[in-house]
Amino acid sequence: MCQGFSLFSQMFMINLNYIASLEKIDACMKEHMVFLNACYRERLFIVSGRKVPRTGGIILAQGSSKEAVEALMRTIHLWRTGWPSLRSSSFRHRSHFRTSRGFLKSR
């Protein structure tokens, strides 16, 4: 489900903005959580959560390229509805809190 990142050389902040009602978003949330959990099992996603106020969500991910991350995000049901807009930013992690070491893969 979350395949496509062969080399985790970059980190990404994925910014989702809802462009539909929360009722429509909530109707897709169960399937979205299945997707998120699969990506966590494969260590593609580091952390995710809802924005406050609830206008979208943020995901920190690791992957081989921005294109691979965005292609992965487009496979989820929530994206296919056209209800969230997506923006991702790439960065190379330089430092992190000690307990996060087990989650991050380095080159």
PDB file of N, CA and C in Angstrom:
ATOM      1  N   MET A   1       0.822  -1.193   0.000  1.00  0.00           N
ATOM      2  CA  MET A   1       0.000   0.000   0.000  1.00  0.00           C
ATOM      3  C   MET A   1       0.864   1.254   0.000  1.00  0.00           C
ATOM      4  N   CYS A   2       1.906   1.269   0.769  1.00  0.00           N
ATOM      5  CA  CYS A   2       2.726   2.471   0.912  1.00  0.00           C
ATOM      6  C   CYS A   2       4.087   2.282   0.278  1.00  0.00           C
ATOM      7  N   GLN A   3       4.196   1.430  -0.708  1.00  0.00           N
ATOM      8  CA  GLN A   3       5.485   1.192  -1.326  1.00  0.00           C
ATOM      9  C   GLN A   3       5.827   2.318  -2.284  1.00  0.00           C
ATOM     10  N   GLY A   4       7.104   2.419  -2.612  1.00  0.00           N
ATOM     11  CA  GLY A   4       7.500   3.437  -3.558  1.00  0.00           C
ATOM     12  C   GLY A   4       8.666   4.271  -3.069  1.00  0.00           C
ATOM     13  N   PHE A   5       9.086   4.067  -1.845  1.00  0.00           N
ATOM     14  CA  PHE A   5      10.235   4.792  -1.320  1.00  0.00           C
ATOM     15  C   PHE A   5      11.376   3.805  -1.171  1.00  0.00           C
ATOM     16  N   SER A   6      12.228   3.708  -2.165  1.00  0.00           N
ATOM     17  CA  SER A   6      13.296   2.723  -2.113  1.00  0.00           C
ATOM     18  C   SER A   6      14.475   3.184  -1.270  1.00  0.00           C
ATOM     19  N   LEU A   7      14.755   4.459  -1.250  1.00  0.00           N
ATOM     20  CA  LEU A   7      15.867   4.999  -0.467  1.00  0.00           C
ATOM     21  C   LEU A   7      15.362   6.210   0.288  1.00  0.00           C
ATOM     22  N   PHE A   8      15.427   6.145   1.613  1.00  0.00           N
ATOM     23  CA  PHE A   8      14.928   7.246   2.428  1.00  0.00           C
ATOM     24  C   PHE A   8      16.031   8.264   2.592  1.00  0.00           C
ATOM     25  N   SER A   9      16.153   9.159   1.644  1.00  0.00           N
ATOM     26  CA  SER A   9      17.226  10.132   1.704  1.00  0.00           C
ATOM     27  C   SER A   9      16.731  11.527   2.059  1.00  0.00           C
ATOM     28  N   GLN A  10      15.444  11.735   2.044  1.00  0.00           N
ATOM     29  CA  GLN A  10      14.905  13.063   2.303  1.00  0.00           C
ATOM     30  C   GLN A  10      13.720  12.970   3.255  1.00  0.00           C
ATOM     31  N   MET A  11      13.465  14.071   3.927  1.00  0.00           N
ATOM     32  CA  MET A  11      12.287  14.194   4.779  1.00  0.00           C
ATOM     33  C   MET A  11      11.322  15.158   4.088  1.00  0.00           C
ATOM     34  N   PHE A  12      10.035  14.986   4.382  1.00  0.00           N
ATOM     35  CA  PHE A  12       9.003  15.805   3.763  1.00  0.00           C
ATOM     36  C   PHE A  12       7.958  16.217   4.786  1.00  0.00           C
ATOM     37  N   MET A  13       7.501  17.446   4.666  1.00  0.00           N
ATOM     38  CA  MET A  13       6.335  17.886   5.401  1.00  0.00           C
ATOM     39  C   MET A  13       5.207  17.951   4.380  1.00  0.00           C
ATOM     40  N   ILE A  14       4.179  17.159   4.615  1.00  0.00           N
ATOM     41  CA  ILE A  14       3.022  17.121   3.736  1.00  0.00           C
ATOM     42  C   ILE A  14       1.916  17.919   4.413  1.00  0.00           C
ATOM     43  N   ASN A  15       1.427  18.918   3.721  1.00  0.00           N
ATOM     44  CA  ASN A  15       0.426  19.826   4.265  1.00  0.00           C
ATOM     45  C   ASN A  15      -0.875  19.608   3.504  1.00  0.00           C
ATOM     46  N   LEU A  16      -1.888  19.049   4.182  1.00  0.00           N
ATOM     47  CA  LEU A  16      -3.200  18.832   3.581  1.00  0.00           C
ATOM     48  C   LEU A  16      -4.148  19.931   4.047  1.00  0.00           C
ATOM     49  N   ASN A  17      -4.858  20.532   3.120  1.00  0.00           N
ATOM     50  CA  ASN A  17      -5.877  21.537   3.439  1.00  0.00           C
ATOM     51  C   ASN A  17      -7.212  21.028   2.928  1.00  0.00           C
ATOM     52  N   TYR A  18      -8.198  20.945   3.827  1.00  0.00           N
ATOM     53  CA  TYR A  18      -9.518  20.467   3.432  1.00  0.00           C
ATOM     54  C   TYR A  18     -10.236  21.518   2.607  1.00  0.00           C
ATOM     55  N   ILE A  19     -10.825  21.079   1.512  1.00  0.00           N
ATOM     56  CA  ILE A  19     -11.623  21.976   0.671  1.00  0.00           C
ATOM     57  C   ILE A  19     -13.052  21.443   0.551  1.00  0.00           C
ATOM     58  N   ALA A  20     -13.431  20.573   1.495  1.00  0.00           N
ATOM     59  CA  ALA A  20     -14.793  20.045   1.584  1.00  0.00           C
ATOM     60  C   ALA A  20     -15.231  20.148   3.040  1.00  0.00           C
ATOM     61  N   SER A  21     -16.494  19.863   3.282  1.00  0.00           N
ATOM     62  CA  SER A  21     -17.009  19.926   4.649  1.00  0.00           C
ATOM     63  C   SER A  21     -16.380  18.820   5.498  1.00  0.00           C
ATOM     64  N   LEU A  22     -16.326  19.059   6.791  1.00  0.00           N
ATOM     65  CA  LEU A  22     -15.792  18.042   7.699  1.00  0.00           C
ATOM     66  C   LEU A  22     -16.639  16.775   7.677  1.00  0.00           C
ATOM     67  N   GLU A  23     -17.925  16.891   7.378  1.00  0.00           N
ATOM     68  CA  GLU A  23     -18.781  15.705   7.259  1.00  0.00           C
ATOM     69  C   GLU A  23     -18.270  14.790   6.150  1.00  0.00           C
ATOM     70  N   LYS A  24     -17.909  15.367   5.015  1.00  0.00           N
ATOM     71  CA  LYS A  24     -17.382  14.568   3.905  1.00  0.00           C
ATOM     72  C   LYS A  24     -16.008  14.008   4.249  1.00  0.00           C
ATOM     73  N   ILE A  25     -15.175  14.803   4.891  1.00  0.00           N
ATOM     74  CA  ILE A  25     -13.844  14.341   5.300  1.00  0.00           C
ATOM     75  C   ILE A  25     -13.970  13.193   6.289  1.00  0.00           C
ATOM     76  N   ASP A  26     -14.840  13.344   7.293  1.00  0.00           N
ATOM     77  CA  ASP A  26     -15.020  12.314   8.312  1.00  0.00           C
ATOM     78  C   ASP A  26     -15.511  11.001   7.713  1.00  0.00           C
ATOM     79  N   ALA A  27     -16.289  11.064   6.641  1.00  0.00           N
ATOM     80  CA  ALA A  27     -16.781   9.850   5.993  1.00  0.00           C
ATOM     81  C   ALA A  27     -15.637   9.026   5.400  1.00  0.00           C
ATOM     82  N   CYS A  28     -14.511   9.664   5.131  1.00  0.00           N
ATOM     83  CA  CYS A  28     -13.345   8.973   4.548  1.00  0.00           C
ATOM     84  C   CYS A  28     -12.270   8.648   5.586  1.00  0.00           C
ATOM     85  N   MET A  29     -12.473   9.050   6.823  1.00  0.00           N
ATOM     86  CA  MET A  29     -11.400   8.977   7.812  1.00  0.00           C
ATOM     87  C   MET A  29     -10.980   7.555   8.150  1.00  0.00           C
ATOM     88  N   LYS A  30     -11.902   6.603   8.184  1.00  0.00           N
ATOM     89  CA  LYS A  30     -11.538   5.218   8.516  1.00  0.00           C
ATOM     90  C   LYS A  30     -10.539   4.673   7.496  1.00  0.00           C
ATOM     91  N   GLU A  31     -10.833   4.856   6.219  1.00  0.00           N
ATOM     92  CA  GLU A  31      -9.917   4.390   5.168  1.00  0.00           C
ATOM     93  C   GLU A  31      -8.597   5.158   5.219  1.00  0.00           C
ATOM     94  N   HIS A  32      -8.663   6.441   5.535  1.00  0.00           N
ATOM     95  CA  HIS A  32      -7.445   7.253   5.654  1.00  0.00           C
ATOM     96  C   HIS A  32      -6.558   6.727   6.779  1.00  0.00           C
ATOM     97  N   MET A  33      -7.154   6.327   7.902  1.00  0.00           N
ATOM     98  CA  MET A  33      -6.372   5.801   9.021  1.00  0.00           C
ATOM     99  C   MET A  33      -5.722   4.461   8.670  1.00  0.00           C
ATOM    100  N   VAL A  34      -6.379   3.645   7.870  1.00  0.00           N
ATOM    101  CA  VAL A  34      -5.777   2.389   7.400  1.00  0.00           C
ATOM    102  C   VAL A  34      -4.521   2.706   6.585  1.00  0.00           C
ATOM    103  N   PHE A  35      -4.629   3.688   5.696  1.00  0.00           N
ATOM    104  CA  PHE A  35      -3.496   4.126   4.888  1.00  0.00           C
ATOM    105  C   PHE A  35      -2.358   4.632   5.768  1.00  0.00           C
ATOM    106  N   LEU A  36      -2.675   5.526   6.727  1.00  0.00           N
ATOM    107  CA  LEU A  36      -1.643   6.065   7.616  1.00  0.00           C
ATOM    108  C   LEU A  36      -0.945   4.958   8.387  1.00  0.00           C
ATOM    109  N   ASN A  37      -1.708   4.040   8.957  1.00  0.00           N
ATOM    110  CA  ASN A  37      -1.115   2.964   9.744  1.00  0.00           C
ATOM    111  C   ASN A  37      -0.204   2.078   8.911  1.00  0.00           C
ATOM    112  N   ALA A  38      -0.578   1.815   7.653  1.00  0.00           N
ATOM    113  CA  ALA A  38       0.286   1.021   6.773  1.00  0.00           C
ATOM    114  C   ALA A  38       1.604   1.755   6.516  1.00  0.00           C
ATOM    115  N   CYS A  39       1.532   3.065   6.333  1.00  0.00           N
ATOM    116  CA  CYS A  39       2.748   3.844   6.095  1.00  0.00           C
ATOM    117  C   CYS A  39       3.616   3.923   7.348  1.00  0.00           C
ATOM    118  N   TYR A  40       3.000   3.936   8.524  1.00  0.00           N
ATOM    119  CA  TYR A  40       3.784   3.890   9.768  1.00  0.00           C
ATOM    120  C   TYR A  40       4.486   2.544   9.916  1.00  0.00           C
ATOM    121  N   ARG A  41       3.786   1.459   9.600  1.00  0.00           N
ATOM    122  CA  ARG A  41       4.406   0.120   9.692  1.00  0.00           C
ATOM    123  C   ARG A  41       5.636   0.016   8.793  1.00  0.00           C
ATOM    124  N   GLU A  42       5.580   0.660   7.646  1.00  0.00           N
ATOM    125  CA  GLU A  42       6.703   0.630   6.702  1.00  0.00           C
ATOM    126  C   GLU A  42       7.726   1.726   6.990  1.00  0.00           C
ATOM    127  N   ARG A  43       7.512   2.480   8.081  1.00  0.00           N
ATOM    128  CA  ARG A  43       8.408   3.557   8.520  1.00  0.00           C
ATOM    129  C   ARG A  43       8.573   4.659   7.475  1.00  0.00           C
ATOM    130  N   LEU A  44       7.531   4.881   6.724  1.00  0.00           N
ATOM    131  CA  LEU A  44       7.533   5.979   5.756  1.00  0.00           C
ATOM    132  C   LEU A  44       7.090   7.271   6.425  1.00  0.00           C
ATOM    133  N   PHE A  45       6.135   7.163   7.334  1.00  0.00           N
ATOM    134  CA  PHE A  45       5.628   8.323   8.045  1.00  0.00           C
ATOM    135  C   PHE A  45       6.232   8.368   9.437  1.00  0.00           C
ATOM    136  N   ILE A  46       6.584   9.564   9.881  1.00  0.00           N
ATOM    137  CA  ILE A  46       7.193   9.775  11.189  1.00  0.00           C
ATOM    138  C   ILE A  46       6.148  10.226  12.200  1.00  0.00           C
ATOM    139  N   VAL A  47       5.339  11.204  11.809  1.00  0.00           N
ATOM    140  CA  VAL A  47       4.304  11.739  12.689  1.00  0.00           C
ATOM    141  C   VAL A  47       3.223  12.371  11.815  1.00  0.00           C
ATOM    142  N   SER A  48       1.993  12.365  12.316  1.00  0.00           N
ATOM    143  CA  SER A  48       0.894  13.004  11.578  1.00  0.00           C
ATOM    144  C   SER A  48      -0.145  13.489  12.571  1.00  0.00           C
ATOM    145  N   GLY A  49      -0.981  14.398  12.121  1.00  0.00           N
ATOM    146  CA  GLY A  49      -2.057  14.865  12.981  1.00  0.00           C
ATOM    147  C   GLY A  49      -2.897  15.927  12.307  1.00  0.00           C
ATOM    148  N   ARG A  50      -4.010  16.226  12.954  1.00  0.00           N
ATOM    149  CA  ARG A  50      -4.926  17.250  12.470  1.00  0.00           C
ATOM    150  C   ARG A  50      -4.400  18.629  12.810  1.00  0.00           C
ATOM    151  N   LYS A  51      -4.713  19.585  11.950  1.00  0.00           N
ATOM    152  CA  LYS A  51      -4.400  20.981  12.255  1.00  0.00           C
ATOM    153  C   LYS A  51      -5.402  21.499  13.291  1.00  0.00           C
ATOM    154  N   VAL A  52      -5.000  22.501  14.012  1.00  0.00           N
ATOM    155  CA  VAL A  52      -5.874  23.179  14.969  1.00  0.00           C
ATOM    156  C   VAL A  52      -5.882  24.650  14.592  1.00  0.00           C
ATOM    157  N   PRO A  53      -7.030  25.187  14.149  1.00  0.00           N
ATOM    158  CA  PRO A  53      -8.318  24.528  14.006  1.00  0.00           C
ATOM    159  C   PRO A  53      -8.288  23.486  12.894  1.00  0.00           C
ATOM    160  N   ARG A  54      -9.298  22.626  12.853  1.00  0.00           N
ATOM    161  CA  ARG A  54      -9.312  21.470  11.958  1.00  0.00           C
ATOM    162  C   ARG A  54      -9.611  21.878  10.514  1.00  0.00           C
ATOM    163  N   THR A  55      -8.572  22.317   9.833  1.00  0.00           N
ATOM    164  CA  THR A  55      -8.685  22.733   8.428  1.00  0.00           C
ATOM    165  C   THR A  55      -7.884  21.813   7.515  1.00  0.00           C
ATOM    166  N   GLY A  56      -7.295  20.761   8.080  1.00  0.00           N
ATOM    167  CA  GLY A  56      -6.471  19.838   7.312  1.00  0.00           C
ATOM    168  C   GLY A  56      -5.594  19.045   8.244  1.00  0.00           C
ATOM    169  N   GLY A  57      -4.473  18.579   7.703  1.00  0.00           N
ATOM    170  CA  GLY A  57      -3.550  17.786   8.501  1.00  0.00           C
ATOM    171  C   GLY A  57      -2.124  17.984   8.050  1.00  0.00           C
ATOM    172  N   ILE A  58      -1.204  17.521   8.889  1.00  0.00           N
ATOM    173  CA  ILE A  58       0.228  17.585   8.607  1.00  0.00           C
ATOM    174  C   ILE A  58       0.797  16.181   8.756  1.00  0.00           C
ATOM    175  N   ILE A  59       1.664  15.790   7.841  1.00  0.00           N
ATOM    176  CA  ILE A  59       2.362  14.509   7.916  1.00  0.00           C
ATOM    177  C   ILE A  59       3.843  14.777   7.711  1.00  0.00           C
ATOM    178  N   LEU A  60       4.686  14.254   8.590  1.00  0.00           N
ATOM    179  CA  LEU A  60       6.130  14.228   8.344  1.00  0.00           C
ATOM    180  C   LEU A  60       6.459  12.849   7.829  1.00  0.00           C
ATOM    181  N   ALA A  61       7.114  12.795   6.673  1.00  0.00           N
ATOM    182  CA  ALA A  61       7.403  11.523   6.010  1.00  0.00           C
ATOM    183  C   ALA A  61       8.855  11.493   5.558  1.00  0.00           C
ATOM    184  N   GLN A  62       9.319  10.304   5.216  1.00  0.00           N
ATOM    185  CA  GLN A  62      10.638  10.171   4.614  1.00  0.00           C
ATOM    186  C   GLN A  62      10.474   9.401   3.305  1.00  0.00           C
ATOM    187  N   GLY A  63      11.281   9.773   2.304  1.00  0.00           N
ATOM    188  CA  GLY A  63      11.153   9.144   1.008  1.00  0.00           C
ATOM    189  C   GLY A  63      12.304   9.477   0.088  1.00  0.00           C
ATOM    190  N   SER A  64      12.250   8.904  -1.088  1.00  0.00           N
ATOM    191  CA  SER A  64      13.341   9.072  -2.054  1.00  0.00           C
ATOM    192  C   SER A  64      13.223  10.355  -2.859  1.00  0.00           C
ATOM    193  N   SER A  65      11.985  10.849  -3.058  1.00  0.00           N
ATOM    194  CA  SER A  65      11.804  12.068  -3.840  1.00  0.00           C
ATOM    195  C   SER A  65      10.453  12.691  -3.538  1.00  0.00           C
ATOM    196  N   LYS A  66      10.335  13.963  -3.827  1.00  0.00           N
ATOM    197  CA  LYS A  66       9.063  14.672  -3.663  1.00  0.00           C
ATOM    198  C   LYS A  66       7.999  14.048  -4.555  1.00  0.00           C
ATOM    199  N   GLU A  67       8.387  13.666  -5.749  1.00  0.00           N
ATOM    200  CA  GLU A  67       7.441  13.054  -6.693  1.00  0.00           C
ATOM    201  C   GLU A  67       6.895  11.734  -6.132  1.00  0.00           C
ATOM    202  N   ALA A  68       7.774  10.930  -5.509  1.00  0.00           N
ATOM    203  CA  ALA A  68       7.339   9.651  -4.936  1.00  0.00           C
ATOM    204  C   ALA A  68       6.363   9.874  -3.783  1.00  0.00           C
ATOM    205  N   VAL A  69       6.652  10.857  -2.941  1.00  0.00           N
ATOM    206  CA  VAL A  69       5.769  11.165  -1.812  1.00  0.00           C
ATOM    207  C   VAL A  69       4.415  11.639  -2.313  1.00  0.00           C
ATOM    208  N   GLU A  70       4.398  12.545  -3.257  1.00  0.00           N
ATOM    209  CA  GLU A  70       3.132  13.061  -3.768  1.00  0.00           C
ATOM    210  C   GLU A  70       2.352  11.990  -4.521  1.00  0.00           C
ATOM    211  N   ALA A  71       3.042  11.106  -5.236  1.00  0.00           N
ATOM    212  CA  ALA A  71       2.357  10.008  -5.921  1.00  0.00           C
ATOM    213  C   ALA A  71       1.711   9.074  -4.900  1.00  0.00           C
ATOM    214  N   LEU A  72       2.408   8.800  -3.819  1.00  0.00           N
ATOM    215  CA  LEU A  72       1.848   7.969  -2.755  1.00  0.00           C
ATOM    216  C   LEU A  72       0.606   8.618  -2.162  1.00  0.00           C
ATOM    217  N   MET A  73       0.660   9.898  -1.878  1.00  0.00           N
ATOM    218  CA  MET A  73      -0.478  10.590  -1.285  1.00  0.00           C
ATOM    219  C   MET A  73      -1.690  10.585  -2.212  1.00  0.00           C
ATOM    220  N   ARG A  74      -1.457  10.588  -3.501  1.00  0.00           N
ATOM    221  CA  ARG A  74      -2.574  10.593  -4.454  1.00  0.00           C
ATOM    222  C   ARG A  74      -3.278   9.238  -4.541  1.00  0.00           C
ATOM    223  N   THR A  75      -2.711   8.197  -3.937  1.00  0.00           N
ATOM    224  CA  THR A  75      -3.353   6.883  -3.976  1.00  0.00           C
ATOM    225  C   THR A  75      -4.414   6.728  -2.905  1.00  0.00           C
ATOM    226  N   ILE A  76      -4.454   7.603  -1.915  1.00  0.00           N
ATOM    227  CA  ILE A  76      -5.415   7.431  -0.825  1.00  0.00           C
ATOM    228  C   ILE A  76      -6.795   7.909  -1.245  1.00  0.00           C
ATOM    229  N   HIS A  77      -7.793   7.283  -0.658  1.00  0.00           N
ATOM    230  CA  HIS A  77      -9.184   7.605  -1.002  1.00  0.00           C
ATOM    231  C   HIS A  77      -9.490   9.081  -0.761  1.00  0.00           C
ATOM    232  N   LEU A  78      -9.010   9.609   0.346  1.00  0.00           N
ATOM    233  CA  LEU A  78      -9.286  11.006   0.675  1.00  0.00           C
ATOM    234  C   LEU A  78      -8.799  11.930  -0.435  1.00  0.00           C
ATOM    235  N   TRP A  79      -7.648  11.640  -0.997  1.00  0.00           N
ATOM    236  CA  TRP A  79      -7.120  12.460  -2.097  1.00  0.00           C
ATOM    237  C   TRP A  79      -7.970  12.291  -3.349  1.00  0.00           C
ATOM    238  N   ARG A  80      -8.383  11.054  -3.632  1.00  0.00           N
ATOM    239  CA  ARG A  80      -9.141  10.780  -4.850  1.00  0.00           C
ATOM    240  C   ARG A  80     -10.498  11.485  -4.860  1.00  0.00           C
ATOM    241  N   THR A  81     -11.006  11.867  -3.696  1.00  0.00           N
ATOM    242  CA  THR A  81     -12.266  12.606  -3.635  1.00  0.00           C
ATOM    243  C   THR A  81     -12.097  14.036  -4.128  1.00  0.00           C
ATOM    244  N   GLY A  82     -10.852  14.527  -4.108  1.00  0.00           N
ATOM    245  CA  GLY A  82     -10.588  15.909  -4.490  1.00  0.00           C
ATOM    246  C   GLY A  82     -10.820  16.889  -3.358  1.00  0.00           C
ATOM    247  N   TRP A  83     -11.055  16.368  -2.146  1.00  0.00           N
ATOM    248  CA  TRP A  83     -11.405  17.256  -1.034  1.00  0.00           C
ATOM    249  C   TRP A  83     -10.235  17.904  -0.332  1.00  0.00           C
ATOM    250  N   PRO A  84      -9.067  17.287  -0.252  1.00  0.00           N
ATOM    251  CA  PRO A  84      -7.949  18.057   0.313  1.00  0.00           C
ATOM    252  C   PRO A  84      -7.039  18.540  -0.803  1.00  0.00           C
ATOM    253  N   SER A  85      -6.456  19.693  -0.613  1.00  0.00           N
ATOM    254  CA  SER A  85      -5.358  20.086  -1.488  1.00  0.00           C
ATOM    255  C   SER A  85      -4.080  19.675  -0.769  1.00  0.00           C
ATOM    256  N   LEU A  86      -3.031  19.451  -1.522  1.00  0.00           N
ATOM    257  CA  LEU A  86      -1.794  18.923  -0.955  1.00  0.00           C
ATOM    258  C   LEU A  86      -0.630  19.805  -1.351  1.00  0.00           C
ATOM    259  N   ARG A  87       0.246  20.042  -0.396  1.00  0.00           N
ATOM    260  CA  ARG A  87       1.505  20.733  -0.665  1.00  0.00           C
ATOM    261  C   ARG A  87       2.579  20.028   0.139  1.00  0.00           C
ATOM    262  N   SER A  88       3.702  19.736  -0.489  1.00  0.00           N
ATOM    263  CA  SER A  88       4.778  19.086   0.263  1.00  0.00           C
ATOM    264  C   SER A  88       6.055  19.902   0.121  1.00  0.00           C
ATOM    265  N   SER A  89       6.842  19.851   1.172  1.00  0.00           N
ATOM    266  CA  SER A  89       8.137  20.522   1.194  1.00  0.00           C
ATOM    267  C   SER A  89       9.181  19.491   1.587  1.00  0.00           C
ATOM    268  N   SER A  90      10.292  19.499   0.887  1.00  0.00           N
ATOM    269  CA  SER A  90      11.376  18.560   1.161  1.00  0.00           C
ATOM    270  C   SER A  90      12.437  19.226   2.018  1.00  0.00           C
ATOM    271  N   PHE A  91      13.027  18.445   2.912  1.00  0.00           N
ATOM    272  CA  PHE A  91      14.169  18.949   3.674  1.00  0.00           C
ATOM    273  C   PHE A  91      15.041  17.764   4.083  1.00  0.00           C
ATOM    274  N   ARG A  92      16.306  18.007   4.280  1.00  0.00           N
ATOM    275  CA  ARG A  92      17.224  16.982   4.790  1.00  0.00           C
ATOM    276  C   ARG A  92      17.350  17.190   6.285  1.00  0.00           C
ATOM    277  N   HIS A  93      17.024  16.141   7.034  1.00  0.00           N
ATOM    278  CA  HIS A  93      17.093  16.307   8.483  1.00  0.00           C
ATOM    279  C   HIS A  93      18.553  16.366   8.927  1.00  0.00           C
ATOM    280  N   ARG A  94      18.815  17.290   9.809  1.00  0.00           N
ATOM    281  CA  ARG A  94      20.176  17.507  10.298  1.00  0.00           C
ATOM    282  C   ARG A  94      20.307  17.051  11.739  1.00  0.00           C
ATOM    283  N   SER A  95      19.305  17.341  12.530  1.00  0.00           N
ATOM    284  CA  SER A  95      19.351  16.949  13.925  1.00  0.00           C
ATOM    285  C   SER A  95      17.944  16.571  14.372  1.00  0.00           C
ATOM    286  N   HIS A  96      17.869  15.843  15.469  1.00  0.00           N
ATOM    287  CA  HIS A  96      16.582  15.391  15.966  1.00  0.00           C
ATOM    288  C   HIS A  96      16.705  15.047  17.451  1.00  0.00           C
ATOM    289  N   PHE A  97      15.571  14.966  18.091  1.00  0.00           N
ATOM    290  CA  PHE A  97      15.508  14.577  19.486  1.00  0.00           C
ATOM    291  C   PHE A  97      15.959  13.131  19.599  1.00  0.00           C
ATOM    292  N   ARG A  98      16.708  12.802  20.608  1.00  0.00           N
ATOM    293  CA  ARG A  98      17.312  11.478  20.751  1.00  0.00           C
ATOM    294  C   ARG A  98      16.352  10.315  20.556  1.00  0.00           C
ATOM    295  N   THR A  99      15.171  10.367  21.118  1.00  0.00           N
ATOM    296  CA  THR A  99      14.277   9.215  21.048  1.00  0.00           C
ATOM    297  C   THR A  99      13.719   8.979  19.651  1.00  0.00           C
ATOM    298  N   SER A 100      13.897   9.900  18.735  1.00  0.00           N
ATOM    299  CA  SER A 100      13.396   9.702  17.376  1.00  0.00           C
ATOM    300  C   SER A 100      14.370   8.931  16.501  1.00  0.00           C
ATOM    301  N   ARG A 101      15.565   8.640  16.990  1.00  0.00           N
ATOM    302  CA  ARG A 101      16.582   7.965  16.172  1.00  0.00           C
ATOM    303  C   ARG A 101      16.113   6.670  15.535  1.00  0.00           C
ATOM    304  N   GLY A 102      15.383   5.851  16.265  1.00  0.00           N
ATOM    305  CA  GLY A 102      14.925   4.577  15.733  1.00  0.00           C
ATOM    306  C   GLY A 102      13.953   4.707  14.580  1.00  0.00           C
ATOM    307  N   PHE A 103      13.329   5.857  14.452  1.00  0.00           N
ATOM    308  CA  PHE A 103      12.346   6.066  13.400  1.00  0.00           C
ATOM    309  C   PHE A 103      12.957   6.604  12.115  1.00  0.00           C
ATOM    310  N   LEU A 104      14.082   7.279  12.234  1.00  0.00           N
ATOM    311  CA  LEU A 104      14.665   7.955  11.076  1.00  0.00           C
ATOM    312  C   LEU A 104      15.737   7.086  10.444  1.00  0.00           C
ATOM    313  N   LYS A 105      15.665   6.954   9.139  1.00  0.00           N
ATOM    314  CA  LYS A 105      16.694   6.237   8.396  1.00  0.00           C
ATOM    315  C   LYS A 105      17.605   7.268   7.764  1.00  0.00           C
ATOM    316  N   SER A 106      18.888   7.063   7.878  1.00  0.00           N
ATOM    317  CA  SER A 106      19.860   7.992   7.310  1.00  0.00           C
ATOM    318  C   SER A 106      20.536   7.370   6.118  1.00  0.00           C
ATOM    319  N   ARG A 107      21.128   8.239   5.301  1.00  0.00           N
ATOM    320  CA  ARG A 107      21.865   7.747   4.139  1.00  0.00           C
ATOM    321  C   ARG A 107      23.166   7.151   4.562  1.00  0.00           C
TER     322      ARG A 107
END
